[in-house]
Amino acid sequence: MITILCIEDEHDIRQLLVEELEDAGFATLQATNGQEGLEVLVSKWPDIVLCDITMPIMNGHQLFAEIQMNYDELSNIPFVFLTALTDKDNTIAALKAGAADYLTKPIDFDILMAKIAGCVARLESDRRTGRAF
């Protein structure tokens, strides 16, 4: 079963994400900020990460950079940003840094599920061929 880590500081949004993902058949993990997210990533190794950008303690960009610089073994986990930051510069920065995708709030769950399906298809293909994502 695919496990998805939801890192979102807003409780109601995080709960809605978790409900939708679990209804779609995914296992979920949760974190309320980037620091908690890093701790969950290191200890649980989820298959996919959905991450807000604007959060306290450690924001999404900082978390993603930390993973890329200091956790090589986790750096290939597909990372999808979910954010209210709709400006083009944030989208480009996230994608150039290596994020798998970027989705703006309010969340369109049909689009989110399509993006997750793409990540899952790549994960399954890579597992069959022995490649990293």
C-alpha atoms as a PDB file:
ATOM      1  CA  MET A   1       0.000   0.000   0.000  1.00  0.00           C
ATOM      2  CA  ILE A   2       1.253   3.477  -0.886  1.00  0.00           C
ATOM      3  CA  THR A   3       1.809   5.751   2.112  1.00  0.00           C
ATOM      4  CA  ILE A   4       1.473   9.515   1.730  1.00  0.00           C
ATOM      5  CA  LEU A   5       2.803  12.027   4.249  1.00  0.00           C
ATOM      6  CA  CYS A   6       0.650  15.172   4.538  1.00  0.00           C
ATOM      7  CA  ILE A   7       2.552  18.142   5.941  1.00  0.00           C
ATOM      8  CA  GLU A   8       0.094  20.973   6.543  1.00  0.00           C
ATOM      9  CA  ASP A   9      -0.150  23.397   9.455  1.00  0.00           C
ATOM     10  CA  GLU A  10      -3.877  24.086   9.037  1.00  0.00           C
ATOM     11  CA  HIS A  11      -5.714  21.321  10.889  1.00  0.00           C
ATOM     12  CA  ASP A  12      -8.912  21.379   8.811  1.00  0.00           C
ATOM     13  CA  ILE A  13      -7.052  21.228   5.489  1.00  0.00           C
ATOM     14  CA  ARG A  14      -4.786  18.435   6.755  1.00  0.00           C
ATOM     15  CA  GLN A  15      -7.786  16.412   7.961  1.00  0.00           C
ATOM     16  CA  LEU A  16      -9.601  16.902   4.651  1.00  0.00           C
ATOM     17  CA  LEU A  17      -6.508  15.743   2.733  1.00  0.00           C
ATOM     18  CA  VAL A  18      -6.125  12.688   4.950  1.00  0.00           C
ATOM     19  CA  GLU A  19      -9.806  11.752   4.574  1.00  0.00           C
ATOM     20  CA  GLU A  20      -9.688  12.073   0.782  1.00  0.00           C
ATOM     21  CA  LEU A  21      -6.465  10.077   0.529  1.00  0.00           C
ATOM     22  CA  GLU A  22      -7.667   7.324   2.841  1.00  0.00           C
ATOM     23  CA  ASP A  23     -10.975   7.129   0.956  1.00  0.00           C
ATOM     24  CA  ALA A  24      -8.889   6.623  -2.206  1.00  0.00           C
ATOM     25  CA  GLY A  25      -7.100   3.687  -0.560  1.00  0.00           C
ATOM     26  CA  PHE A  26      -3.832   5.272   0.566  1.00  0.00           C
ATOM     27  CA  ALA A  27      -2.243   4.990   3.989  1.00  0.00           C
ATOM     28  CA  THR A  28      -1.431   8.388   5.475  1.00  0.00           C
ATOM     29  CA  LEU A  29       0.958  10.030   7.893  1.00  0.00           C
ATOM     30  CA  GLN A  30       0.622  13.586   9.204  1.00  0.00           C
ATOM     31  CA  ALA A  31       2.827  16.458  10.301  1.00  0.00           C
ATOM     32  CA  THR A  32       1.989  20.054  11.230  1.00  0.00           C
ATOM     33  CA  ASN A  33       5.209  21.745  10.063  1.00  0.00           C
ATOM     34  CA  GLY A  34       8.423  21.045   8.186  1.00  0.00           C
ATOM     35  CA  GLN A  35      10.390  19.990  11.266  1.00  0.00           C
ATOM     36  CA  GLU A  36       7.759  17.407  12.210  1.00  0.00           C
ATOM     37  CA  GLY A  37       7.626  16.382   8.573  1.00  0.00           C
ATOM     38  CA  LEU A  38      11.365  15.764   8.517  1.00  0.00           C
ATOM     39  CA  GLU A  39      11.111  13.626  11.645  1.00  0.00           C
ATOM     40  CA  VAL A  40       8.327  11.536  10.073  1.00  0.00           C
ATOM     41  CA  LEU A  41      10.236  11.241   6.788  1.00  0.00           C
ATOM     42  CA  VAL A  42      13.370   9.980   8.523  1.00  0.00           C
ATOM     43  CA  SER A  43      11.519   7.492  10.717  1.00  0.00           C
ATOM     44  CA  LYS A  44       8.717   6.252   8.430  1.00  0.00           C
ATOM     45  CA  TRP A  45       9.932   6.667   4.803  1.00  0.00           C
ATOM     46  CA  PRO A  46       6.602   7.449   3.106  1.00  0.00           C
ATOM     47  CA  ASP A  47       6.204   6.856  -0.632  1.00  0.00           C
ATOM     48  CA  ILE A  48       4.943  10.376  -1.472  1.00  0.00           C
ATOM     49  CA  VAL A  49       4.962  13.721   0.361  1.00  0.00           C
ATOM     50  CA  LEU A  50       2.266  16.397   0.061  1.00  0.00           C
ATOM     51  CA  CYS A  51       3.610  19.570   1.641  1.00  0.00           C
ATOM     52  CA  ASP A  52       2.375  23.076   2.298  1.00  0.00           C
ATOM     53  CA  ILE A  53       4.941  25.833   1.803  1.00  0.00           C
ATOM     54  CA  THR A  54       3.976  28.499   4.351  1.00  0.00           C
ATOM     55  CA  MET A  55       4.295  26.847   7.768  1.00  0.00           C
ATOM     56  CA  PRO A  56       5.859  27.712  11.135  1.00  0.00           C
ATOM     57  CA  ILE A  57       9.201  26.378  12.385  1.00  0.00           C
ATOM     58  CA  MET A  58      10.362  25.053   8.982  1.00  0.00           C
ATOM     59  CA  ASN A  59       8.558  25.948   5.759  1.00  0.00           C
ATOM     60  CA  GLY A  60       8.119  23.638   2.797  1.00  0.00           C
ATOM     61  CA  HIS A  61      10.996  25.074   0.757  1.00  0.00           C
ATOM     62  CA  GLN A  62      13.344  24.732   3.745  1.00  0.00           C
ATOM     63  CA  LEU A  63      12.231  21.150   4.331  1.00  0.00           C
ATOM     64  CA  PHE A  64      12.703  20.203   0.695  1.00  0.00           C
ATOM     65  CA  ALA A  65      16.169  21.815   0.628  1.00  0.00           C
ATOM     66  CA  GLU A  66      17.130  20.027   3.856  1.00  0.00           C
ATOM     67  CA  ILE A  67      16.140  16.677   2.373  1.00  0.00           C
ATOM     68  CA  GLN A  68      18.002  17.336  -0.875  1.00  0.00           C
ATOM     69  CA  MET A  69      21.187  18.468   0.908  1.00  0.00           C
ATOM     70  CA  ASN A  70      21.379  16.143   3.902  1.00  0.00           C
ATOM     71  CA  TYR A  71      19.215  13.071   3.317  1.00  0.00           C
ATOM     72  CA  ASP A  72      20.265  11.545   0.021  1.00  0.00           C
ATOM     73  CA  GLU A  73      18.376   8.348   0.823  1.00  0.00           C
ATOM     74  CA  LEU A  74      15.110  10.350   1.012  1.00  0.00           C
ATOM     75  CA  SER A  75      15.769  12.750  -1.862  1.00  0.00           C
ATOM     76  CA  ASN A  76      13.963  10.640  -4.470  1.00  0.00           C
ATOM     77  CA  ILE A  77      10.643  10.515  -2.631  1.00  0.00           C
ATOM     78  CA  PRO A  78       8.110  12.352  -4.844  1.00  0.00           C
ATOM     79  CA  PHE A  79       7.390  15.706  -3.229  1.00  0.00           C
ATOM     80  CA  VAL A  80       4.220  17.614  -4.206  1.00  0.00           C
ATOM     81  CA  PHE A  81       3.761  21.137  -2.907  1.00  0.00           C
ATOM     82  CA  LEU A  82       0.228  22.235  -1.956  1.00  0.00           C
ATOM     83  CA  THR A  83       0.095  25.948  -1.315  1.00  0.00           C
ATOM     84  CA  ALA A  84      -1.867  29.161  -1.420  1.00  0.00           C
ATOM     85  CA  LEU A  85       1.164  30.794  -3.079  1.00  0.00           C
ATOM     86  CA  THR A  86      -0.078  31.119  -6.630  1.00  0.00           C
ATOM     87  CA  ASP A  87       2.663  33.270  -8.088  1.00  0.00           C
ATOM     88  CA  LYS A  88       4.672  31.839 -10.959  1.00  0.00           C
ATOM     89  CA  ASP A  89       8.032  32.399  -9.200  1.00  0.00           C
ATOM     90  CA  ASN A  90       7.162  29.995  -6.358  1.00  0.00           C
ATOM     91  CA  THR A  91       5.981  27.353  -8.806  1.00  0.00           C
ATOM     92  CA  ILE A  92       9.138  27.653 -10.892  1.00  0.00           C
ATOM     93  CA  ALA A  93      11.392  27.624  -7.813  1.00  0.00           C
ATOM     94  CA  ALA A  94       9.772  24.454  -6.475  1.00  0.00           C
ATOM     95  CA  LEU A  95       9.903  22.621  -9.788  1.00  0.00           C
ATOM     96  CA  LYS A  96      13.486  23.698 -10.511  1.00  0.00           C
ATOM     97  CA  ALA A  97      14.506  22.448  -7.070  1.00  0.00           C
ATOM     98  CA  GLY A  98      13.181  19.010  -8.022  1.00  0.00           C
ATOM     99  CA  ALA A  99       9.649  18.854  -6.648  1.00  0.00           C
ATOM    100  CA  ALA A 100       7.499  16.278  -8.429  1.00  0.00           C
ATOM    101  CA  ASP A 101       4.619  18.748  -8.775  1.00  0.00           C
ATOM    102  CA  TYR A 102       2.902  21.876  -7.448  1.00  0.00           C
ATOM    103  CA  LEU A 103      -0.782  22.435  -6.710  1.00  0.00           C
ATOM    104  CA  THR A 104      -2.406  25.625  -5.491  1.00  0.00           C
ATOM    105  CA  LYS A 105      -5.173  25.994  -2.924  1.00  0.00           C
ATOM    106  CA  PRO A 106      -8.074  25.758  -2.796  1.00  0.00           C
ATOM    107  CA  ILE A 107      -7.342  22.132  -3.571  1.00  0.00           C
ATOM    108  CA  ASP A 108      -9.050  20.578  -6.560  1.00  0.00           C
ATOM    109  CA  PHE A 109      -9.150  16.954  -5.410  1.00  0.00           C
ATOM    110  CA  ASP A 110      -9.609  15.593  -8.941  1.00  0.00           C
ATOM    111  CA  ILE A 111      -6.364  17.279  -9.991  1.00  0.00           C
ATOM    112  CA  LEU A 112      -4.627  16.222  -6.767  1.00  0.00           C
ATOM    113  CA  MET A 113      -5.612  12.590  -7.308  1.00  0.00           C
ATOM    114  CA  ALA A 114      -4.413  12.752 -10.928  1.00  0.00           C
ATOM    115  CA  LYS A 115      -1.042  14.102  -9.765  1.00  0.00           C
ATOM    116  CA  ILE A 116      -0.792  11.378  -7.124  1.00  0.00           C
ATOM    117  CA  ALA A 117      -1.733   8.746  -9.708  1.00  0.00           C
ATOM    118  CA  GLY A 118       1.176   9.979 -11.844  1.00  0.00           C
ATOM    119  CA  CYS A 119       3.566   9.681  -8.889  1.00  0.00           C
ATOM    120  CA  VAL A 120       2.258   6.198  -8.086  1.00  0.00           C
ATOM    121  CA  ALA A 121       2.662   5.063 -11.706  1.00  0.00           C
ATOM    122  CA  ARG A 122       6.293   6.266 -11.722  1.00  0.00           C
ATOM    123  CA  LEU A 123       6.959   4.611  -8.349  1.00  0.00           C
ATOM    124  CA  GLU A 124       5.529   1.306  -9.548  1.00  0.00           C
ATOM    125  CA  SER A 125       7.469   1.476 -12.807  1.00  0.00           C
ATOM    126  CA  ASP A 126      10.685   2.291 -10.975  1.00  0.00           C
ATOM    127  CA  ARG A 127      10.134  -0.562  -8.527  1.00  0.00           C
ATOM    128  CA  ARG A 128       9.634  -2.996 -11.402  1.00  0.00           C
ATOM    129  CA  THR A 129      12.804  -1.817 -13.118  1.00  0.00           C
ATOM    130  CA  GLY A 130      14.854  -1.234  -9.967  1.00  0.00           C
ATOM    131  CA  ARG A 131      15.345   2.502 -10.624  1.00  0.00           C
ATOM    132  CA  ALA A 132      14.963   5.288  -8.115  1.00  0.00           C
ATOM    133  CA  PHE A 133      12.155   7.826  -8.743  1.00  0.00           C
END
